[in-house]
Amino acid sequence: MSLRALHWPRPAGTNGIPIVLIHGLASNCRLWDGAARHLAALGHDVIALDLRGHGLSDKPNDGYSVASVAQDVIDVVSTLS
């Protein structure tokens, strides 16, 4: 399963907290473009992802579950560390 994630890195020399932005039903990660740019400018490392079946992420053959979507978020966040 391939998930699309967009990353707005914090500016050099800043130490804000990492922030993960997650869209709602029938949306995608581009919903967060303005907020993500603003948060990054404030010094935060920001990532937004298209949940499975949304935007440019793959659509699963076996349906959707809270556990699988939660694991997707964990997997994306773990690639940042």
Protein backbone atom coordinates (compact mmCIF):
# COMPACT_ATOMS: atom_id res chain seq x y z
CA MET A 1 0.00 0.00 0.00
CA SER A 2 1.49 3.31 -1.06
CA LEU A 3 0.52 6.44 0.85
CA ARG A 4 1.17 10.00 -0.26
CA ALA A 5 2.60 12.34 2.35
CA LEU A 6 3.67 15.95 2.01
CA HIS A 7 6.40 17.39 4.21
CA TRP A 8 7.00 21.01 5.14
CA PRO A 9 10.34 21.03 6.98
CA ARG A 10 10.98 23.54 9.73
CA PRO A 11 13.45 26.29 8.90
CA ALA A 12 17.06 25.72 9.93
CA GLY A 13 17.79 26.88 13.44
CA THR A 14 14.24 26.36 14.75
CA ASN A 15 13.13 23.70 17.19
CA GLY A 16 9.34 23.48 16.99
CA ILE A 17 7.52 20.25 17.62
CA PRO A 18 6.67 17.82 14.80
CA ILE A 19 3.02 18.07 13.71
CA VAL A 20 1.04 15.48 11.73
CA LEU A 21 -2.06 16.77 9.92
CA ILE A 22 -4.79 14.27 9.07
CA HIS A 23 -7.75 15.13 6.84
CA GLY A 24 -11.33 13.99 7.35
CA LEU A 25 -13.63 11.85 5.24
CA ALA A 26 -13.77 12.60 1.50
CA SER A 27 -10.78 14.96 1.60
CA ASN A 28 -7.01 14.80 1.07
CA CYS A 29 -3.75 16.21 2.40
CA ARG A 30 -3.93 19.35 0.23
CA LEU A 31 -6.63 20.58 2.64
CA TRP A 32 -3.76 21.49 4.98
CA ASP A 33 -1.51 23.45 2.57
CA GLY A 34 -2.11 26.88 4.12
CA ALA A 35 -2.00 25.69 7.73
CA ALA A 36 1.09 23.57 7.07
CA ARG A 37 3.00 26.48 5.52
CA HIS A 38 2.06 28.68 8.48
CA LEU A 39 3.07 26.07 11.06
CA ALA A 40 6.38 25.42 9.28
CA ALA A 41 7.09 29.16 9.21
CA LEU A 42 6.56 29.16 12.98
CA GLY A 43 9.34 26.58 13.27
CA HIS A 44 7.47 23.27 13.24
CA ASP A 45 8.21 20.18 11.16
CA VAL A 46 4.87 19.40 9.47
CA ILE A 47 3.64 16.37 7.56
CA ALA A 48 0.22 15.77 6.01
CA LEU A 49 -0.82 12.50 4.47
CA ASP A 50 -3.52 11.18 2.20
CA LEU A 51 -5.21 8.41 4.15
CA ARG A 52 -5.70 5.12 2.31
CA GLY A 53 -8.28 5.48 -0.44
CA HIS A 54 -8.02 9.30 -0.47
CA GLY A 55 -6.12 11.72 -2.69
CA LEU A 56 -3.10 10.07 -4.31
CA SER A 57 -2.82 7.19 -1.81
CA ASP A 58 -3.62 3.65 -2.91
CA LYS A 59 -7.08 2.22 -2.37
CA PRO A 60 -7.10 -1.04 -0.41
CA ASN A 61 -8.60 -4.23 -1.81
CA ASP A 62 -9.59 -5.44 1.64
CA GLY A 63 -11.53 -2.42 2.90
CA TYR A 64 -10.82 0.06 5.65
CA SER A 65 -10.54 -0.35 9.40
CA VAL A 66 -9.59 2.01 12.19
CA ALA A 67 -6.67 -0.26 13.02
CA SER A 68 -5.29 -0.25 9.46
CA VAL A 69 -5.61 3.53 9.09
CA ALA A 70 -3.95 4.04 12.49
CA GLN A 71 -1.10 1.73 11.45
CA ASP A 72 -0.67 3.72 8.24
CA VAL A 73 -0.21 6.91 10.28
CA ILE A 74 2.28 5.15 12.59
CA ASP A 75 4.22 3.88 9.56
CA VAL A 76 4.44 7.34 7.98
CA VAL A 77 5.51 8.98 11.24
CA SER A 78 8.14 6.30 11.87
CA THR A 79 9.84 7.14 8.57
CA LEU A 80 10.49 10.65 9.89
CA SER A 81 12.53 9.57 12.90
